[in-house]
Amino acid sequence: MSPARRTAIRAGHILAFDGRGHRLLRDGVVVIEGDHILSVGPRVDGHVDEMVDAHDRIVTPGLISTHAHIGGSPLDRSFIEDRGSPQFWYSGLFEMLPVRSEGQDDEGGRACVDFSMAELLRGGVTTVMEIGGLGDYVVERAAHYGLRVYVGQAFRSGRWLTRDGKRVQWEWNEEQGRQGLRRAVEFHARHDGAHGGLVRCFFSPAQIDTCTPALLQEAKRHADEAGVPYQVHTAQSVVEFNEMVARHGKTPIAWMRDLGVLDSRTILGHAIIVGGSSWTNYPTGDVAIMADAGCSVAHAVWVFARRGVVMESFARYRAAGVNMSLGTDTNPQSVIEAMRWAAVCSKIVERNTEATTAAHVFDAATLGGARALGRDDLGRIAPGAKADLVLWKAASWRMTPLRDPIKNLVYNATDEDVDRVYVNGRLVVDGGRVLAADEGAILRALQAAGDRMWPRMSRADWAGRGADQLSPQTYADWGA
């Protein structure tokens, strides 16, 4: 068997991991051997097959999104922004999301998957946790694009709905939840470790308020037996929080703890409406409960910030010892923007510019995501780690002048500053272009999916409202 190919990347700036944290190595070399990092340091020792001159580049570990819905989120665009009912504390979950989901067809879902994978890669994301229902297609396309994907097939015992726009109700079907879990178990058996480990699976009961205690506990048992993550949408709306307190006399997070499903392998999707915050005026110290349990939070800041809802706060969770990671959840699926918004929103809440820094959010996007996944071979540039790397431009309209690379990335960069991306040692983005993506075809397919979806929305709305009533155009048509 021939030895694996070695590629050396000589770069002006490398964010290397020294065993304790990220450190900035100037004028260094990263050596890739096959799918992993062989070495990182000031020089290269031994033979290499290729030397990449990146003297004008910044090399970082690939970014990790621990919460995404790549089979639908691109179709949020141009519809879900600027709208929300105060009846539901401006959450879009109960009126906007159902009509978007019901109006979308399977072809549109596949268009979203292709768009999302290309969007994530060109933004420097090398690993994503996908929660959805198009698992087989996601597995197939992960190999095509070269994106590292954790797939969670969502399932639940019930659903929320509103019949009058005034209150939310829950309809239950326990057998549906059990069947969904069985399908998730079968999916895991078929696909976990697919494509040489590029695809992994996790268990994802959909929402804390739509799952029975038995379903949550059984899913956690399967996750623990398989040694994989377990993620649940939790504490994501004031409506959910109040409903769970009314049902159980305790917060959603306290209830999870008492069910025995909150531990170091648990990831809480969002965990933003918690006891001890002004959103609830409820005294329970949920942040301390999360820290004691050792769980992780997938913080998808933009989906809330665009509605005027912020976590209270990223700095407070970190200080308590909660492992913070970042998710994308909605569009744009950008961890670059997630880092920026997480830092800025925390500064606003704390009224302290030093409360959450570029280092804090970059750590969350790399080391925090890796810890949430239980992986010490992701989110870092170190010998033995997977060769998931991003080469950023050091000179551009956003990155010049360069003094502190990470401050520039967090507060200034866009996906246009991503030059190259490697996943598992495979070059998947070059010159800012996703190599396996037919950009024109992807954009045409997504536009067609939206054109089919918008006229269908009235069928699923409680009041029969169409897209232009639910989300009026920003400006009236010319001549109107």
Protein backbone atom coordinates (compact mmCIF):
# COMPACT_ATOMS: atom_id res chain seq x y z
CA MET A 1 0.00 0.00 0.00
CA SER A 2 1.47 3.34 -1.05
CA PRO A 3 1.92 6.02 1.63
CA ALA A 4 -0.67 8.79 1.88
CA ARG A 5 0.01 11.97 -0.04
CA ARG A 6 1.62 14.78 1.94
CA THR A 7 0.76 18.43 1.34
CA ALA A 8 2.53 21.27 3.13
CA ILE A 9 0.86 24.66 3.46
CA ARG A 10 3.33 27.45 4.24
CA ALA A 11 1.30 30.40 5.51
CA GLY A 12 1.85 33.88 6.88
CA HIS A 13 -0.52 33.21 9.79
CA ILE A 14 -1.66 29.86 11.24
CA LEU A 15 -4.06 29.48 14.13
CA ALA A 16 -2.49 26.39 15.71
CA PHE A 17 -3.56 24.46 18.80
CA ASP A 18 -0.94 23.90 21.51
CA GLY A 19 -2.91 21.49 23.70
CA ARG A 20 -4.49 24.26 25.76
CA GLY A 21 -5.95 26.58 23.17
CA HIS A 22 -5.51 28.36 19.86
CA ARG A 23 -2.21 30.19 19.37
CA LEU A 24 -1.09 32.40 16.48
CA LEU A 25 1.88 30.96 14.59
CA ARG A 26 3.46 33.42 12.16
CA ASP A 27 5.26 32.15 9.07
CA GLY A 28 4.57 28.51 9.79
CA VAL A 29 3.78 25.27 7.99
CA VAL A 30 0.90 22.82 8.27
CA VAL A 31 1.52 19.37 6.82
CA ILE A 32 -1.44 17.26 5.74
CA GLU A 33 -1.04 13.51 5.32
CA GLY A 34 -4.10 11.84 3.85
CA ASP A 35 -7.13 12.92 5.90
CA HIS A 36 -5.29 14.25 8.95
CA ILE A 37 -2.75 16.82 10.05
CA LEU A 38 0.73 15.35 10.36
CA SER A 39 2.46 18.37 11.85
CA VAL A 40 2.30 22.10 12.43
CA GLY A 41 5.23 24.34 13.28
CA PRO A 42 7.75 26.87 12.03
CA ARG A 43 9.22 24.49 9.44
CA VAL A 44 8.54 21.30 7.53
CA ASP A 45 10.56 18.17 8.23
CA GLY A 46 10.79 15.36 5.74
CA HIS A 47 9.40 14.78 2.27
CA VAL A 48 6.19 16.38 0.98
CA ASP A 49 4.46 15.81 -2.34
CA GLU A 50 3.11 19.34 -2.70
CA MET A 51 4.07 22.70 -1.22
CA VAL A 52 1.28 25.31 -1.15
CA ASP A 53 2.50 28.89 -0.99
CA ALA A 54 0.04 30.69 1.32
CA HIS A 55 2.32 33.46 2.57
CA ASP A 56 -0.57 35.92 2.05
CA ARG A 57 -3.16 33.69 3.70
CA ILE A 58 -4.47 32.98 7.20
CA VAL A 59 -4.98 29.28 7.99
CA THR A 60 -7.57 28.33 10.60
CA PRO A 61 -9.39 25.16 11.55
CA GLY A 62 -12.70 24.66 9.76
CA LEU A 63 -15.76 26.20 11.39
CA ILE A 64 -18.45 24.00 12.95
CA SER A 65 -22.21 24.62 12.93
CA THR A 66 -23.93 22.55 15.61
CA HIS A 67 -27.49 23.43 14.58
CA ALA A 68 -28.82 23.61 11.04
CA HIS A 69 -31.85 22.75 8.93
CA ILE A 70 -30.22 22.57 5.52
CA GLY A 71 -33.26 20.98 3.87
CA GLY A 72 -35.41 24.08 4.34
CA SER A 73 -33.67 27.15 5.73
CA PRO A 74 -32.74 28.73 2.38
CA LEU A 75 -36.48 29.11 1.70
CA ASP A 76 -36.87 31.28 4.80
CA ARG A 77 -35.22 33.96 2.70
CA SER A 78 -37.34 36.85 1.42
CA PHE A 79 -40.33 35.73 3.52
CA ILE A 80 -39.73 35.30 7.22
CA GLU A 81 -37.90 38.58 7.96
CA ASP A 82 -39.51 41.64 9.60
CA ARG A 83 -42.70 39.79 10.59
CA GLY A 84 -43.93 38.33 13.86
CA SER A 85 -46.94 38.38 16.12
CA PRO A 86 -46.69 39.97 19.58
CA GLN A 87 -49.27 37.36 20.61
CA PHE A 88 -46.45 34.82 20.39
CA TRP A 89 -43.69 37.13 21.64
CA TYR A 90 -42.64 37.64 18.01
CA SER A 91 -41.55 34.03 17.52
CA GLY A 92 -41.99 32.83 13.95
CA LEU A 93 -42.50 29.21 15.01
CA PHE A 94 -46.28 29.19 15.19
CA GLU A 95 -47.47 31.08 12.12
CA MET A 96 -44.60 31.67 9.70
CA LEU A 97 -42.66 28.41 9.92
CA PRO A 98 -45.66 26.06 9.40
CA VAL A 99 -46.80 27.73 6.18
CA ARG A 100 -43.24 27.79 4.85
CA SER A 101 -42.78 24.10 5.67
CA GLU A 102 -46.15 23.01 4.29
CA GLY A 103 -45.68 24.98 1.09
CA GLN A 104 -42.29 23.41 0.38
CA ASP A 105 -42.14 20.25 -1.76
CA ASP A 106 -39.58 17.42 -1.83
CA GLU A 107 -37.85 18.83 -4.89
CA GLY A 108 -37.53 22.12 -3.06
CA GLY A 109 -36.01 20.32 -0.09
CA ARG A 110 -33.37 18.76 -2.28
CA ALA A 111 -32.65 22.16 -3.83
CA CYS A 112 -32.16 23.52 -0.32
CA VAL A 113 -29.69 20.75 0.58
CA ASP A 114 -27.51 21.47 -2.46
CA PHE A 115 -27.66 25.22 -1.89
CA SER A 116 -26.90 24.83 1.83
CA MET A 117 -23.88 22.59 1.43
CA ALA A 118 -22.30 24.96 -1.06
CA GLU A 119 -23.20 27.98 1.09
CA LEU A 120 -21.68 26.44 4.21
CA LEU A 121 -18.45 25.38 2.51
CA ARG A 122 -17.86 28.73 0.83
CA GLY A 123 -18.29 30.33 4.27
CA GLY A 124 -15.58 28.18 5.84
CA VAL A 125 -17.85 25.62 7.54
CA THR A 126 -16.39 22.12 7.36
CA THR A 127 -18.75 20.32 9.79
CA VAL A 128 -22.51 20.78 10.22
CA MET A 129 -25.15 19.13 12.39
CA GLU A 130 -28.26 18.77 10.23
CA ILE A 131 -31.70 18.29 11.81
CA GLY A 132 -34.36 17.34 9.30
CA GLY A 133 -35.98 14.60 7.31
CA LEU A 134 -34.08 14.30 4.01
CA GLY A 135 -31.39 12.11 5.49
CA ASP A 136 -30.70 9.80 2.57
CA TYR A 137 -30.22 12.73 0.20
CA VAL A 138 -28.05 14.57 2.74
CA VAL A 139 -25.79 11.51 3.06
CA GLU A 140 -25.46 11.25 -0.72
CA ARG A 141 -24.68 14.93 -1.26
CA ALA A 142 -22.21 15.12 1.64
CA ALA A 143 -19.91 12.81 -0.32
CA HIS A 144 -20.45 14.82 -3.49
CA TYR A 145 -19.53 18.19 -1.97
CA GLY A 146 -17.08 16.87 0.62
CA LEU A 147 -18.84 18.42 3.63
CA ARG A 148 -18.56 16.69 7.02
CA VAL A 149 -22.13 16.16 8.21
CA TYR A 150 -23.78 14.86 11.37
CA VAL A 151 -27.32 13.84 10.44
CA GLY A 152 -30.20 13.79 12.93
CA GLN A 153 -33.54 12.54 11.62
CA ALA A 154 -36.10 14.59 13.56
CA PHE A 155 -39.09 12.91 15.20
CA ARG A 156 -41.75 13.96 17.68
CA SER A 157 -44.90 12.82 19.47
CA GLY A 158 -46.98 15.85 18.63
CA ARG A 159 -47.12 19.19 16.90
CA TRP A 160 -48.00 22.75 17.76
CA LEU A 161 -50.56 24.81 15.85
CA THR A 162 -52.71 27.87 16.16
CA ARG A 163 -56.31 27.91 14.94
CA ASP A 164 -57.01 31.56 15.64
CA GLY A 165 -53.69 33.41 15.85
CA LYS A 166 -54.29 33.99 19.56
CA ARG A 167 -53.09 30.85 21.29
CA VAL A 168 -50.97 27.80 20.57
CA GLN A 169 -52.31 24.27 20.98
CA TRP A 170 -50.64 20.87 20.83
CA GLU A 171 -51.96 17.80 19.03
CA TRP A 172 -50.55 14.44 20.09
CA ASN A 173 -49.83 11.17 18.28
CA GLU A 174 -47.57 9.01 20.40
CA GLU A 175 -47.35 6.25 17.82
CA GLN A 176 -46.01 8.74 15.30
CA GLY A 177 -43.22 9.59 17.72
CA ARG A 178 -42.35 5.93 18.31
CA GLN A 179 -42.29 5.25 14.57
CA GLY A 180 -40.07 8.28 14.03
CA LEU A 181 -37.59 7.04 16.61
CA ARG A 182 -37.56 3.58 15.00
CA ARG A 183 -36.78 5.17 11.64
CA ALA A 184 -33.98 7.21 13.25
CA VAL A 185 -32.49 4.04 14.78
CA GLU A 186 -32.61 2.29 11.40
CA PHE A 187 -31.11 5.34 9.69
CA HIS A 188 -28.26 5.33 12.20
CA ALA A 189 -27.57 1.65 11.54
CA ARG A 190 -27.42 2.26 7.78
CA HIS A 191 -25.47 5.48 7.59
CA ASP A 192 -23.37 6.21 10.68
CA GLY A 193 -19.75 6.27 9.52
CA ALA A 194 -20.66 6.49 5.83
CA HIS A 195 -18.13 7.73 3.26
CA GLY A 196 -15.14 6.88 5.40
CA GLY A 197 -16.56 8.59 8.48
CA LEU A 198 -17.41 11.83 6.68
CA VAL A 199 -21.05 11.23 7.69
CA ARG A 200 -22.02 10.52 11.28
CA CYS A 201 -25.42 10.38 12.94
CA PHE A 202 -27.00 11.67 16.13
CA PHE A 203 -30.43 11.47 17.75
CA SER A 204 -32.68 14.49 17.62
CA PRO A 205 -36.13 14.49 19.22
CA ALA A 206 -37.52 17.56 17.52
CA GLN A 207 -38.69 19.90 20.29
CA ILE A 208 -38.92 19.58 24.05
CA ASP A 209 -42.61 20.56 24.01
CA THR A 210 -43.59 18.10 21.24
CA CYS A 211 -42.06 14.96 22.74
CA THR A 212 -43.38 12.74 25.52
CA PRO A 213 -41.10 11.90 28.45
CA ALA A 214 -40.87 8.29 27.27
CA LEU A 215 -39.78 9.34 23.77
CA LEU A 216 -37.11 11.69 25.10
CA GLN A 217 -35.72 9.04 27.45
CA GLU A 218 -35.78 6.25 24.87
CA ALA A 219 -34.00 8.43 22.32
CA LYS A 220 -31.36 9.32 24.92
CA ARG A 221 -30.83 5.63 25.65
CA HIS A 222 -30.17 4.94 21.97
CA ALA A 223 -27.79 7.91 21.74
CA ASP A 224 -25.83 6.77 24.79
CA GLU A 225 -25.62 3.18 23.60
CA ALA A 226 -24.30 4.37 20.23
CA GLY A 227 -22.00 6.96 21.82
CA VAL A 228 -23.38 9.79 19.67
CA PRO A 229 -24.73 13.27 20.44
CA TYR A 230 -28.32 13.96 21.46
CA GLN A 231 -29.85 17.30 20.51
CA VAL A 232 -33.27 18.77 21.34
CA HIS A 233 -34.74 22.19 20.54
CA THR A 234 -35.16 23.53 24.06
CA ALA A 235 -36.11 26.89 25.58
CA GLN A 236 -36.54 28.49 22.15
CA SER A 237 -39.69 30.57 22.73
CA VAL A 238 -41.63 32.22 25.52
CA VAL A 239 -44.69 30.23 24.42
CA GLU A 240 -42.81 26.96 24.89
CA PHE A 241 -41.36 28.04 28.24
CA ASN A 242 -44.76 28.99 29.66
CA GLU A 243 -46.36 25.81 28.35
CA MET A 244 -43.72 23.59 29.94
CA VAL A 245 -43.95 25.39 33.27
CA ALA A 246 -47.74 24.97 33.16
CA ARG A 247 -47.43 21.25 32.35
CA HIS A 248 -44.69 20.29 34.76
CA GLY A 249 -44.24 23.08 37.27
CA LYS A 250 -40.63 23.52 36.19
CA THR A 251 -38.61 24.99 33.34
CA PRO A 252 -37.86 22.95 30.21
CA ILE A 253 -34.21 22.63 31.20
CA ALA A 254 -35.00 21.62 34.78
CA TRP A 255 -37.47 19.07 33.42
CA MET A 256 -34.79 17.59 31.13
CA ARG A 257 -32.46 17.29 34.09
CA ASP A 258 -35.12 15.49 36.13
CA LEU A 259 -35.85 13.15 33.20
CA GLY A 260 -32.20 12.14 33.16
CA VAL A 261 -31.53 13.31 29.60
CA LEU A 262 -29.26 16.28 30.36
CA ASP A 263 -25.55 15.42 30.42
CA SER A 264 -22.26 15.96 28.62
CA ARG A 265 -23.51 14.30 25.42
CA THR A 266 -26.62 16.53 25.27
CA ILE A 267 -26.77 19.58 23.02
CA LEU A 268 -29.53 22.09 23.66
CA GLY A 269 -30.74 23.75 20.49
CA HIS A 270 -30.97 27.45 21.42
CA ALA A 271 -31.58 27.42 25.22
CA ILE A 272 -32.22 31.15 25.04
CA ILE A 273 -35.55 31.58 26.92
CA VAL A 274 -34.44 30.32 30.32
CA GLY A 275 -35.29 30.69 33.97
CA GLY A 276 -33.30 33.56 35.40
CA SER A 277 -33.67 35.73 32.29
CA SER A 278 -35.90 38.75 31.73
CA TRP A 279 -37.80 36.84 29.03
CA THR A 280 -39.39 34.61 31.68
CA ASN A 281 -39.20 36.47 34.98
CA TYR A 282 -38.89 32.99 36.45
CA PRO A 283 -36.34 32.45 39.23
CA THR A 284 -34.87 29.03 38.41
CA GLY A 285 -31.16 29.19 37.61
CA ASP A 286 -31.20 27.28 34.34
CA VAL A 287 -27.72 28.43 33.38
CA ALA A 288 -26.31 26.80 36.52
CA ILE A 289 -28.27 23.62 35.75
CA MET A 290 -26.72 23.46 32.28
CA ALA A 291 -23.24 24.05 33.63
CA ASP A 292 -23.64 21.37 36.32
CA ALA A 293 -24.87 18.87 33.73
CA GLY A 294 -21.93 19.55 31.43
CA CYS A 295 -24.18 19.92 28.39
CA SER A 296 -23.57 22.11 25.36
CA VAL A 297 -25.62 24.92 23.87
CA ALA A 298 -25.97 25.38 20.10
CA HIS A 299 -26.41 29.14 19.97
CA ALA A 300 -28.00 30.26 16.69
CA VAL A 301 -27.97 33.96 17.40
CA TRP A 302 -29.31 35.43 14.16
CA VAL A 303 -32.63 33.56 14.07
CA PHE A 304 -33.53 35.37 17.32
CA ALA A 305 -31.67 38.65 16.96
CA ARG A 306 -33.57 39.48 13.77
CA ARG A 307 -36.75 39.34 15.91
CA GLY A 308 -35.38 41.49 18.70
CA VAL A 309 -34.68 38.52 20.99
CA VAL A 310 -31.21 38.04 22.48
CA MET A 311 -29.57 35.54 24.80
CA GLU A 312 -28.92 36.90 28.30
CA SER A 313 -26.13 36.31 27.67
CA PHE A 314 -23.33 34.49 25.88
CA ALA A 315 -20.91 35.94 28.42
CA ARG A 316 -23.01 34.76 31.35
CA TYR A 317 -23.29 31.21 30.00
CA ARG A 318 -19.53 31.08 29.39
CA ALA A 319 -18.72 32.41 32.85
CA ALA A 320 -20.91 29.72 34.40
CA GLY A 321 -18.99 27.01 32.54
CA VAL A 322 -21.52 26.08 29.85
CA ASN A 323 -19.89 24.78 26.67
CA MET A 324 -20.95 27.19 23.97
CA SER A 325 -21.07 26.29 20.29
CA LEU A 326 -22.58 28.12 17.33
CA GLY A 327 -25.33 27.12 14.93
CA THR A 328 -26.70 28.62 11.75
CA ASP A 329 -30.34 27.43 11.94
CA THR A 330 -31.79 29.83 9.37
CA ASN A 331 -30.48 31.89 6.48
CA PRO A 332 -27.88 33.06 5.86
CA GLN A 333 -26.12 29.87 6.91
CA SER A 334 -22.98 31.69 7.96
CA VAL A 335 -20.90 30.91 11.00
CA ILE A 336 -18.88 34.04 10.20
CA GLU A 337 -21.99 36.10 10.88
CA ALA A 338 -22.91 33.90 13.85
CA MET A 339 -19.59 34.74 15.48
CA ARG A 340 -20.08 38.45 14.82
CA TRP A 341 -23.66 38.59 16.08
CA ALA A 342 -22.90 36.45 19.14
CA ALA A 343 -20.14 38.83 20.18
CA VAL A 344 -22.04 42.03 19.47
CA CYS A 345 -25.34 40.95 21.06
CA SER A 346 -23.51 39.86 24.19
CA LYS A 347 -21.73 43.21 24.38
CA ILE A 348 -25.08 45.00 24.09
CA VAL A 349 -26.77 42.91 26.79
CA GLU A 350 -23.81 43.22 29.17
CA ARG A 351 -23.14 46.85 28.21
CA ASN A 352 -19.50 45.85 28.19
CA THR A 353 -17.38 45.65 25.06
CA GLU A 354 -15.02 43.14 26.71
CA ALA A 355 -17.76 40.75 27.83
CA THR A 356 -17.51 38.55 24.75
CA THR A 357 -14.48 38.83 22.51
CA ALA A 358 -13.41 37.55 19.12
CA ALA A 359 -11.53 34.75 20.87
CA HIS A 360 -14.63 33.65 22.79
CA VAL A 361 -16.81 33.32 19.71
CA PHE A 362 -14.08 31.84 17.52
CA ASP A 363 -13.49 29.22 20.21
CA ALA A 364 -17.22 28.47 20.19
CA ALA A 365 -17.17 28.05 16.40
CA THR A 366 -14.27 25.59 16.58
CA LEU A 367 -13.32 24.04 19.92
CA GLY A 368 -16.81 24.44 21.41
CA GLY A 369 -18.41 22.72 18.45
CA ALA A 370 -15.87 19.91 18.60
CA ARG A 371 -16.52 19.40 22.31
CA ALA A 372 -20.28 19.30 21.70
CA LEU A 373 -19.68 16.52 19.16
CA GLY A 374 -17.36 14.66 21.51
CA ARG A 375 -14.50 15.07 19.02
CA ASP A 376 -10.97 16.05 19.98
CA ASP A 377 -9.87 15.72 16.34
CA LEU A 378 -11.97 18.62 15.00
CA GLY A 379 -11.88 22.39 15.47
CA ARG A 380 -8.11 22.60 15.86
CA ILE A 381 -4.86 22.51 13.91
CA ALA A 382 -2.78 19.92 15.73
CA PRO A 383 -1.03 16.66 14.87
CA GLY A 384 -3.58 13.87 14.56
CA ALA A 385 -6.54 16.19 14.03
CA LYS A 386 -8.62 15.89 10.90
CA ALA A 387 -7.37 18.00 8.01
CA ASP A 388 -10.32 20.41 8.03
CA LEU A 389 -8.74 23.74 7.18
CA VAL A 390 -9.72 27.17 5.87
CA LEU A 391 -7.36 29.50 4.04
CA TRP A 392 -8.51 33.12 4.31
CA LYS A 393 -7.28 36.09 2.34
CA ALA A 394 -4.97 38.29 4.37
CA ALA A 395 -5.37 41.20 1.95
CA SER A 396 -8.85 42.23 0.78
CA TRP A 397 -11.40 45.01 1.13
CA ARG A 398 -12.49 43.47 4.45
CA MET A 399 -9.19 42.13 5.79
CA THR A 400 -6.78 45.03 5.17
CA PRO A 401 -5.01 46.31 7.20
CA LEU A 402 -4.14 43.11 9.03
CA ARG A 403 -2.76 43.17 12.55
CA ASP A 404 -4.92 40.68 14.48
CA PRO A 405 -6.23 37.98 12.11
CA ILE A 406 -9.02 36.72 14.38
CA LYS A 407 -10.44 40.17 15.10
CA ASN A 408 -10.52 40.78 11.37
CA LEU A 409 -12.25 37.45 10.69
CA VAL A 410 -14.90 37.91 13.38
CA TYR A 411 -15.69 41.59 12.90
CA ASN A 412 -14.94 42.19 9.22
CA ALA A 413 -14.70 39.10 7.02
CA THR A 414 -17.35 37.71 4.69
CA ASP A 415 -17.47 34.47 2.75
CA GLU A 416 -15.74 36.36 -0.09
CA ASP A 417 -12.59 36.24 2.05
CA VAL A 418 -12.54 32.43 2.07
CA ASP A 419 -10.00 31.29 -0.52
CA ARG A 420 -9.53 27.56 0.05
CA VAL A 421 -11.23 24.92 2.19
CA TYR A 422 -10.02 21.40 2.92
CA VAL A 423 -12.24 18.75 4.52
CA ASN A 424 -10.67 15.43 5.50
CA GLY A 425 -7.65 16.52 3.46
CA ARG A 426 -9.74 16.98 0.31
CA LEU A 427 -9.68 20.38 -1.39
CA VAL A 428 -13.37 21.31 -1.70
CA VAL A 429 -13.19 25.09 -2.20
CA ASP A 430 -10.56 26.75 -4.36
CA GLY A 431 -10.41 30.42 -5.26
CA GLY A 432 -13.66 30.88 -3.32
CA ARG A 433 -15.46 28.40 -5.60
CA VAL A 434 -17.07 25.19 -4.32
CA LEU A 435 -15.48 22.71 -6.69
CA ALA A 436 -18.39 20.25 -6.81
CA ALA A 437 -21.10 22.93 -7.14
CA ASP A 438 -22.87 23.96 -10.33
CA GLU A 439 -23.70 27.43 -9.06
CA GLY A 440 -26.11 28.37 -11.82
CA ALA A 441 -28.09 25.14 -11.51
CA ILE A 442 -28.24 25.43 -7.71
CA LEU A 443 -29.55 29.00 -7.80
CA ARG A 444 -32.11 28.22 -10.51
CA ALA A 445 -33.41 25.21 -8.55
CA LEU A 446 -33.79 27.23 -5.35
CA GLN A 447 -35.58 30.07 -7.14
CA ALA A 448 -37.96 27.57 -8.72
CA ALA A 449 -38.60 26.02 -5.30
CA GLY A 450 -39.57 29.42 -3.93
CA ASP A 451 -41.78 30.18 -6.93
CA ARG A 452 -43.68 26.93 -6.29
CA MET A 453 -43.84 27.41 -2.51
CA TRP A 454 -45.13 30.97 -2.11
CA PRO A 455 -48.50 30.43 -3.85
CA ARG A 456 -49.19 27.36 -1.68
CA MET A 457 -48.81 29.07 1.67
CA SER A 458 -52.45 30.07 2.08
CA ARG A 459 -53.43 26.39 2.29
CA ALA A 460 -51.60 25.95 5.59
CA ASP A 461 -52.37 29.29 7.26
CA TRP A 462 -55.13 29.31 9.89
CA ALA A 463 -56.68 32.40 8.27
CA GLY A 464 -55.98 31.43 4.65
CA ARG A 465 -53.51 34.27 4.19
CA GLY A 466 -51.11 34.17 1.27
CA ALA A 467 -47.42 35.01 1.19
CA ASP A 468 -48.01 38.71 0.46
CA GLN A 469 -50.40 39.03 3.41
CA LEU A 470 -48.17 37.14 5.82
CA SER A 471 -45.06 38.96 4.64
CA PRO A 472 -45.89 42.07 2.62
CA GLN A 473 -43.38 43.35 0.11
CA THR A 474 -41.04 45.93 1.60
CA TYR A 475 -42.12 48.53 -0.97
CA ALA A 476 -45.28 48.73 -3.08
CA ASP A 477 -45.04 48.00 -6.80
CA TRP A 478 -44.36 50.87 -9.14
CA GLY A 479 -47.59 52.62 -10.03
CA ALA A 480 -49.57 51.04 -7.20
